[in-house]
């Protein structure tokens, strides 16, 4: 079941004419936002779970915040 959900999310990210770099960026954003939501915004825990440093997580969040708002849209209803 988990694999089917992940496959669907990958298809959503790469739908249409998307370059690999853009697809990876979208997928990374989605994973980070979902983990933050799932872990009550505990950035230290999320960084540890994702296997990145806390400073890397903050850098990624800063980069994400400079993206257009429509790119930041996140449907939290998918987390259950």
PDB file of N, CA and C in Angstrom:
ATOM      1  N   UNK A   1       0.830  -1.197   0.000  1.00  0.00           N
ATOM      2  CA  UNK A   1       0.000   0.000   0.000  1.00  0.00           C
ATOM      3  C   UNK A   1       0.870   1.254   0.000  1.00  0.00           C
ATOM      4  N   UNK A   2       1.873   1.295   0.874  1.00  0.00           N
ATOM      5  CA  UNK A   2       2.782   2.447   0.940  1.00  0.00           C
ATOM      6  C   UNK A   2       3.449   2.682  -0.411  1.00  0.00           C
ATOM      7  N   UNK A   3       3.861   1.598  -1.085  1.00  0.00           N
ATOM      8  CA  UNK A   3       4.525   1.723  -2.391  1.00  0.00           C
ATOM      9  C   UNK A   3       3.571   2.318  -3.420  1.00  0.00           C
ATOM     10  N   UNK A   4       2.308   1.914  -3.399  1.00  0.00           N
ATOM     11  CA  UNK A   4       1.331   2.447  -4.346  1.00  0.00           C
ATOM     12  C   UNK A   4       1.143   3.942  -4.137  1.00  0.00           C
ATOM     13  N   UNK A   5       1.078   4.367  -2.879  1.00  0.00           N
ATOM     14  CA  UNK A   5       0.919   5.787  -2.573  1.00  0.00           C
ATOM     15  C   UNK A   5       2.133   6.555  -3.065  1.00  0.00           C
ATOM     16  N   UNK A   6       3.331   6.026  -2.815  1.00  0.00           N
ATOM     17  CA  UNK A   6       4.549   6.696  -3.252  1.00  0.00           C
ATOM     18  C   UNK A   6       4.607   6.759  -4.775  1.00  0.00           C
ATOM     19  N   UNK A   7       4.250   5.667  -5.459  1.00  0.00           N
ATOM     20  CA  UNK A   7       4.248   5.669  -6.923  1.00  0.00           C
ATOM     21  C   UNK A   7       3.320   6.754  -7.462  1.00  0.00           C
ATOM     22  N   UNK A   8       2.150   6.897  -6.853  1.00  0.00           N
ATOM     23  CA  UNK A   8       1.193   7.915  -7.280  1.00  0.00           C
ATOM     24  C   UNK A   8       1.786   9.308  -7.090  1.00  0.00           C
ATOM     25  N   UNK A   9       2.447   9.526  -5.975  1.00  0.00           N
ATOM     26  CA  UNK A   9       3.041  10.836  -5.705  1.00  0.00           C
ATOM     27  C   UNK A   9       4.179  11.137  -6.667  1.00  0.00           C
ATOM     28  N   UNK A  10       4.955  10.132  -7.013  1.00  0.00           N
ATOM     29  CA  UNK A  10       6.030  10.334  -7.986  1.00  0.00           C
ATOM     30  C   UNK A  10       5.432  10.720  -9.329  1.00  0.00           C
ATOM     31  N   UNK A  11       4.379  10.036  -9.741  1.00  0.00           N
ATOM     32  CA  UNK A  11       3.723  10.366 -11.011  1.00  0.00           C
ATOM     33  C   UNK A  11       3.200  11.800 -10.999  1.00  0.00           C
ATOM     34  N   UNK A  12       2.635  12.246  -9.873  1.00  0.00           N
ATOM     35  CA  UNK A  12       2.134  13.614  -9.769  1.00  0.00           C
ATOM     36  C   UNK A  12       3.264  14.620  -9.937  1.00  0.00           C
ATOM     37  N   UNK A  13       4.401  14.330  -9.335  1.00  0.00           N
ATOM     38  CA  UNK A  13       5.538  15.247  -9.389  1.00  0.00           C
ATOM     39  C   UNK A  13       6.092  15.348 -10.799  1.00  0.00           C
ATOM     40  N   UNK A  14       6.154  14.235 -11.515  1.00  0.00           N
ATOM     41  CA  UNK A  14       6.783  14.233 -12.837  1.00  0.00           C
ATOM     42  C   UNK A  14       5.780  14.313 -13.987  1.00  0.00           C
ATOM     43  N   UNK A  15       4.529  14.580 -13.682  1.00  0.00           N
ATOM     44  CA  UNK A  15       3.508  14.660 -14.730  1.00  0.00           C
ATOM     45  C   UNK A  15       3.859  15.754 -15.729  1.00  0.00           C
ATOM     46  N   UNK A  16       3.645  15.462 -16.982  1.00  0.00           N
ATOM     47  CA  UNK A  16       3.894  16.450 -18.022  1.00  0.00           C
ATOM     48  C   UNK A  16       5.349  16.479 -18.464  1.00  0.00           C
ATOM     49  N   UNK A  17       5.718  17.591 -19.059  1.00  0.00           N
ATOM     50  CA  UNK A  17       7.056  17.767 -19.617  1.00  0.00           C
ATOM     51  C   UNK A  17       7.969  18.391 -18.564  1.00  0.00           C
ATOM     52  N   UNK A  18       8.498  17.560 -17.672  1.00  0.00           N
ATOM     53  CA  UNK A  18       9.314  18.040 -16.563  1.00  0.00           C
ATOM     54  C   UNK A  18      10.728  17.501 -16.704  1.00  0.00           C
ATOM     55  N   UNK A  19      11.694  18.383 -16.543  1.00  0.00           N
ATOM     56  CA  UNK A  19      13.098  17.979 -16.567  1.00  0.00           C
ATOM     57  C   UNK A  19      13.426  17.269 -15.258  1.00  0.00           C
ATOM     58  N   UNK A  20      14.443  16.412 -15.277  1.00  0.00           N
ATOM     59  CA  UNK A  20      14.818  15.635 -14.097  1.00  0.00           C
ATOM     60  C   UNK A  20      15.124  16.538 -12.909  1.00  0.00           C
ATOM     61  N   UNK A  21      15.890  17.593 -13.122  1.00  0.00           N
ATOM     62  CA  UNK A  21      16.262  18.487 -12.023  1.00  0.00           C
ATOM     63  C   UNK A  21      15.024  19.080 -11.352  1.00  0.00           C
ATOM     64  N   UNK A  22      14.055  19.496 -12.152  1.00  0.00           N
ATOM     65  CA  UNK A  22      12.817  20.058 -11.622  1.00  0.00           C
ATOM     66  C   UNK A  22      12.007  18.992 -10.883  1.00  0.00           C
ATOM     67  N   UNK A  23      11.951  17.793 -11.413  1.00  0.00           N
ATOM     68  CA  UNK A  23      11.213  16.706 -10.760  1.00  0.00           C
ATOM     69  C   UNK A  23      11.840  16.370  -9.412  1.00  0.00           C
ATOM     70  N   UNK A  24      13.165  16.325  -9.356  1.00  0.00           N
ATOM     71  CA  UNK A  24      13.865  16.032  -8.100  1.00  0.00           C
ATOM     72  C   UNK A  24      13.593  17.139  -7.087  1.00  0.00           C
ATOM     73  N   UNK A  25      13.635  18.387  -7.536  1.00  0.00           N
ATOM     74  CA  UNK A  25      13.381  19.523  -6.645  1.00  0.00           C
ATOM     75  C   UNK A  25      11.962  19.450  -6.068  1.00  0.00           C
ATOM     76  N   UNK A  26      10.983  19.151  -6.920  1.00  0.00           N
ATOM     77  CA  UNK A  26       9.600  19.038  -6.454  1.00  0.00           C
ATOM     78  C   UNK A  26       9.433  17.877  -5.480  1.00  0.00           C
ATOM     79  N   UNK A  27      10.058  16.751  -5.801  1.00  0.00           N
ATOM     80  CA  UNK A  27       9.951  15.586  -4.930  1.00  0.00           C
ATOM     81  C   UNK A  27      10.589  15.875  -3.573  1.00  0.00           C
ATOM     82  N   UNK A  28      11.765  16.491  -3.582  1.00  0.00           N
ATOM     83  CA  UNK A  28      12.448  16.833  -2.333  1.00  0.00           C
ATOM     84  C   UNK A  28      11.593  17.776  -1.492  1.00  0.00           C
ATOM     85  N   UNK A  29      10.988  18.779  -2.127  1.00  0.00           N
ATOM     86  CA  UNK A  29      10.130  19.715  -1.410  1.00  0.00           C
ATOM     87  C   UNK A  29       8.969  18.982  -0.749  1.00  0.00           C
ATOM     88  N   UNK A  30       8.343  18.092  -1.523  1.00  0.00           N
ATOM     89  CA  UNK A  30       7.189  17.364  -0.993  1.00  0.00           C
ATOM     90  C   UNK A  30       7.585  16.492   0.202  1.00  0.00           C
ATOM     91  N   UNK A  31       8.709  15.785   0.095  1.00  0.00           N
ATOM     92  CA  UNK A  31       9.166  14.924   1.191  1.00  0.00           C
ATOM     93  C   UNK A  31       9.444  15.757   2.437  1.00  0.00           C
ATOM     94  N   UNK A  32      10.148  16.864   2.285  1.00  0.00           N
ATOM     95  CA  UNK A  32      10.473  17.715   3.433  1.00  0.00           C
ATOM     96  C   UNK A  32       9.205  18.240   4.087  1.00  0.00           C
ATOM     97  N   UNK A  33       8.287  18.768   3.291  1.00  0.00           N
ATOM     98  CA  UNK A  33       7.055  19.324   3.859  1.00  0.00           C
ATOM     99  C   UNK A  33       6.207  18.255   4.537  1.00  0.00           C
ATOM    100  N   UNK A  34       6.126  17.079   3.940  1.00  0.00           N
ATOM    101  CA  UNK A  34       5.352  16.002   4.563  1.00  0.00           C
ATOM    102  C   UNK A  34       5.976  15.570   5.885  1.00  0.00           C
ATOM    103  N   UNK A  35       7.297  15.449   5.913  1.00  0.00           N
ATOM    104  CA  UNK A  35       7.961  15.046   7.157  1.00  0.00           C
ATOM    105  C   UNK A  35       7.811  16.118   8.227  1.00  0.00           C
ATOM    106  N   UNK A  36       7.893  17.380   7.852  1.00  0.00           N
ATOM    107  CA  UNK A  36       7.670  18.450   8.829  1.00  0.00           C
ATOM    108  C   UNK A  36       6.258  18.369   9.391  1.00  0.00           C
ATOM    109  N   UNK A  37       5.293  18.156   8.524  1.00  0.00           N
ATOM    110  CA  UNK A  37       3.903  18.043   8.973  1.00  0.00           C
ATOM    111  C   UNK A  37       3.721  16.828   9.891  1.00  0.00           C
ATOM    112  N   UNK A  38       4.265  15.703   9.467  1.00  0.00           N
ATOM    113  CA  UNK A  38       4.129  14.457  10.220  1.00  0.00           C
ATOM    114  C   UNK A  38       4.811  14.520  11.584  1.00  0.00           C
ATOM    115  N   UNK A  39       5.847  15.350  11.695  1.00  0.00           N
ATOM    116  CA  UNK A  39       6.637  15.428  12.925  1.00  0.00           C
ATOM    117  C   UNK A  39       6.461  16.759  13.649  1.00  0.00           C
ATOM    118  N   UNK A  40       5.297  17.358  13.493  1.00  0.00           N
ATOM    119  CA  UNK A  40       4.937  18.581  14.211  1.00  0.00           C
ATOM    120  C   UNK A  40       5.983  19.678  14.094  1.00  0.00           C
ATOM    121  N   UNK A  41       6.530  19.836  12.880  1.00  0.00           N
ATOM    122  CA  UNK A  41       7.493  20.899  12.572  1.00  0.00           C
ATOM    123  C   UNK A  41       8.800  20.784  13.367  1.00  0.00           C
ATOM    124  N   UNK A  42       9.091  19.614  13.920  1.00  0.00           N
ATOM    125  CA  UNK A  42      10.340  19.398  14.668  1.00  0.00           C
ATOM    126  C   UNK A  42      11.491  19.252  13.668  1.00  0.00           C
ATOM    127  N   UNK A  43      12.153  20.362  13.388  1.00  0.00           N
ATOM    128  CA  UNK A  43      13.180  20.392  12.348  1.00  0.00           C
ATOM    129  C   UNK A  43      14.382  19.515  12.674  1.00  0.00           C
ATOM    130  N   UNK A  44      14.772  19.462  13.927  1.00  0.00           N
ATOM    131  CA  UNK A  44      15.897  18.594  14.299  1.00  0.00           C
ATOM    132  C   UNK A  44      15.573  17.133  14.007  1.00  0.00           C
ATOM    133  N   UNK A  45      14.373  16.711  14.372  1.00  0.00           N
ATOM    134  CA  UNK A  45      13.957  15.332  14.129  1.00  0.00           C
ATOM    135  C   UNK A  45      13.861  15.043  12.633  1.00  0.00           C
ATOM    136  N   UNK A  46      13.289  15.972  11.889  1.00  0.00           N
ATOM    137  CA  UNK A  46      13.137  15.783  10.444  1.00  0.00           C
ATOM    138  C   UNK A  46      14.499  15.688   9.769  1.00  0.00           C
ATOM    139  N   UNK A  47      15.427  16.550  10.145  1.00  0.00           N
ATOM    140  CA  UNK A  47      16.773  16.492   9.564  1.00  0.00           C
ATOM    141  C   UNK A  47      17.398  15.133   9.844  1.00  0.00           C
ATOM    142  N   UNK A  48      17.255  14.661  11.056  1.00  0.00           N
ATOM    143  CA  UNK A  48      17.811  13.352  11.432  1.00  0.00           C
ATOM    144  C   UNK A  48      17.153  12.235  10.621  1.00  0.00           C
ATOM    145  N   UNK A  49      15.826  12.267  10.496  1.00  0.00           N
ATOM    146  CA  UNK A  49      15.107  11.242   9.736  1.00  0.00           C
ATOM    147  C   UNK A  49      15.500  11.239   8.262  1.00  0.00           C
ATOM    148  N   UNK A  50      15.751  12.424   7.715  1.00  0.00           N
ATOM    149  CA  UNK A  50      16.108  12.534   6.304  1.00  0.00           C
ATOM    150  C   UNK A  50      17.593  12.302   6.053  1.00  0.00           C
ATOM    151  N   UNK A  51      18.363  12.218   7.139  1.00  0.00           N
ATOM    152  CA  UNK A  51      19.794  11.968   6.986  1.00  0.00           C
ATOM    153  C   UNK A  51      20.574  13.174   6.487  1.00  0.00           C
ATOM    154  N   UNK A  52      20.093  14.371   6.841  1.00  0.00           N
ATOM    155  CA  UNK A  52      20.798  15.596   6.470  1.00  0.00           C
ATOM    156  C   UNK A  52      21.048  16.416   7.727  1.00  0.00           C
ATOM    157  N   UNK A  53      21.973  17.352   7.635  1.00  0.00           N
ATOM    158  CA  UNK A  53      22.253  18.206   8.787  1.00  0.00           C
ATOM    159  C   UNK A  53      21.118  19.210   8.965  1.00  0.00           C
ATOM    160  N   UNK A  54      21.001  19.716  10.178  1.00  0.00           N
ATOM    161  CA  UNK A  54      19.983  20.719  10.461  1.00  0.00           C
ATOM    162  C   UNK A  54      20.219  21.966   9.606  1.00  0.00           C
ATOM    163  N   UNK A  55      21.476  22.343   9.425  1.00  0.00           N
ATOM    164  CA  UNK A  55      21.764  23.522   8.595  1.00  0.00           C
ATOM    165  C   UNK A  55      21.352  23.284   7.139  1.00  0.00           C
ATOM    166  N   UNK A  56      21.516  22.056   6.646  1.00  0.00           N
ATOM    167  CA  UNK A  56      21.069  21.739   5.279  1.00  0.00           C
ATOM    168  C   UNK A  56      19.552  21.849   5.166  1.00  0.00           C
ATOM    169  N   UNK A  57      18.846  21.380   6.188  1.00  0.00           N
ATOM    170  CA  UNK A  57      17.387  21.486   6.173  1.00  0.00           C
ATOM    171  C   UNK A  57      16.972  22.953   6.149  1.00  0.00           C
ATOM    172  N   UNK A  58      17.595  23.771   7.001  1.00  0.00           N
ATOM    173  CA  UNK A  58      17.260  25.197   7.009  1.00  0.00           C
ATOM    174  C   UNK A  58      17.567  25.844   5.662  1.00  0.00           C
ATOM    175  N   UNK A  59      18.671  25.473   5.038  1.00  0.00           N
ATOM    176  CA  UNK A  59      19.024  26.029   3.731  1.00  0.00           C
ATOM    177  C   UNK A  59      17.971  25.645   2.693  1.00  0.00           C
ATOM    178  N   UNK A  60      17.556  24.378   2.721  1.00  0.00           N
ATOM    179  CA  UNK A  60      16.539  23.923   1.776  1.00  0.00           C
ATOM    180  C   UNK A  60      15.216  24.659   2.004  1.00  0.00           C
ATOM    181  N   UNK A  61      14.853  24.872   3.261  1.00  0.00           N
ATOM    182  CA  UNK A  61      13.615  25.595   3.567  1.00  0.00           C
ATOM    183  C   UNK A  61      13.700  27.045   3.098  1.00  0.00           C
ATOM    184  N   UNK A  62      14.863  27.659   3.268  1.00  0.00           N
ATOM    185  CA  UNK A  62      15.059  29.031   2.793  1.00  0.00           C
ATOM    186  C   UNK A  62      14.929  29.085   1.279  1.00  0.00           C
ATOM    187  N   UNK A  63      15.559  28.147   0.601  1.00  0.00           N
ATOM    188  CA  UNK A  63      15.462  28.084  -0.863  1.00  0.00           C
ATOM    189  C   UNK A  63      14.014  27.882  -1.297  1.00  0.00           C
ATOM    190  N   UNK A  64      13.300  27.015  -0.584  1.00  0.00           N
ATOM    191  CA  UNK A  64      11.907  26.736  -0.924  1.00  0.00           C
ATOM    192  C   UNK A  64      11.036  27.970  -0.724  1.00  0.00           C
ATOM    193  N   UNK A  65      11.333  28.768   0.298  1.00  0.00           N
ATOM    194  CA  UNK A  65      10.500  29.939   0.592  1.00  0.00           C
ATOM    195  C   UNK A  65      10.650  31.028  -0.461  1.00  0.00           C
ATOM    196  N   UNK A  66      11.723  30.971  -1.249  1.00  0.00           N
ATOM    197  CA  UNK A  66      11.914  31.976  -2.300  1.00  0.00           C
ATOM    198  C   UNK A  66      11.257  31.558  -3.614  1.00  0.00           C
ATOM    199  N   UNK A  67      10.655  30.370  -3.645  1.00  0.00           N
ATOM    200  CA  UNK A  67       9.975  29.889  -4.845  1.00  0.00           C
ATOM    201  C   UNK A  67       8.577  30.487  -4.917  1.00  0.00           C
ATOM    202  N   UNK A  68       7.999  30.537  -6.115  1.00  0.00           N
ATOM    203  CA  UNK A  68       6.628  31.058  -6.259  1.00  0.00           C
ATOM    204  C   UNK A  68       5.648  30.296  -5.368  1.00  0.00           C
ATOM    205  N   UNK A  69       4.644  30.991  -4.887  1.00  0.00           N
ATOM    206  CA  UNK A  69       3.679  30.393  -3.964  1.00  0.00           C
ATOM    207  C   UNK A  69       2.994  29.162  -4.527  1.00  0.00           C
ATOM    208  N   UNK A  70       2.646  29.157  -5.812  1.00  0.00           N
ATOM    209  CA  UNK A  70       1.962  27.979  -6.352  1.00  0.00           C
ATOM    210  C   UNK A  70       2.855  26.752  -6.280  1.00  0.00           C
ATOM    211  N   UNK A  71       4.163  26.938  -6.314  1.00  0.00           N
ATOM    212  CA  UNK A  71       5.082  25.808  -6.199  1.00  0.00           C
ATOM    213  C   UNK A  71       5.118  25.283  -4.775  1.00  0.00           C
ATOM    214  N   UNK A  72       4.725  26.110  -3.814  1.00  0.00           N
ATOM    215  CA  UNK A  72       4.763  25.709  -2.416  1.00  0.00           C
ATOM    216  C   UNK A  72       3.449  25.079  -1.966  1.00  0.00           C
ATOM    217  N   UNK A  73       2.458  25.044  -2.825  1.00  0.00           N
ATOM    218  CA  UNK A  73       1.162  24.478  -2.445  1.00  0.00           C
ATOM    219  C   UNK A  73       1.355  23.066  -1.928  1.00  0.00           C
ATOM    220  N   UNK A  74       0.683  22.769  -0.832  1.00  0.00           N
ATOM    221  CA  UNK A  74       0.865  21.476  -0.188  1.00  0.00           C
ATOM    222  C   UNK A  74      -0.466  21.011   0.363  1.00  0.00           C
ATOM    223  N   UNK A  75      -0.878  19.845  -0.049  1.00  0.00           N
ATOM    224  CA  UNK A  75      -2.150  19.277   0.372  1.00  0.00           C
ATOM    225  C   UNK A  75      -1.900  18.349   1.547  1.00  0.00           C
ATOM    226  N   UNK A  76      -2.159  18.824   2.776  1.00  0.00           N
ATOM    227  CA  UNK A  76      -1.910  18.006   3.959  1.00  0.00           C
ATOM    228  C   UNK A  76      -2.914  16.878   4.101  1.00  0.00           C
ATOM    229  N   UNK A  77      -3.989  16.891   3.342  1.00  0.00           N
ATOM    230  CA  UNK A  77      -4.976  15.814   3.450  1.00  0.00           C
ATOM    231  C   UNK A  77      -4.410  14.495   2.963  1.00  0.00           C
ATOM    232  N   UNK A  78      -3.297  14.497   2.228  1.00  0.00           N
ATOM    233  CA  UNK A  78      -2.703  13.271   1.708  1.00  0.00           C
ATOM    234  C   UNK A  78      -1.886  12.534   2.757  1.00  0.00           C
ATOM    235  N   UNK A  79      -1.692  13.108   3.912  1.00  0.00           N
ATOM    236  CA  UNK A  79      -0.821  12.500   4.918  1.00  0.00           C
ATOM    237  C   UNK A  79      -1.481  11.392   5.709  1.00  0.00           C
ATOM    238  N   UNK A  80      -2.741  11.158   5.519  1.00  0.00           N
ATOM    239  CA  UNK A  80      -3.417  10.137   6.333  1.00  0.00           C
ATOM    240  C   UNK A  80      -3.752   8.920   5.551  1.00  0.00           C
TER     241      UNK A  80
END
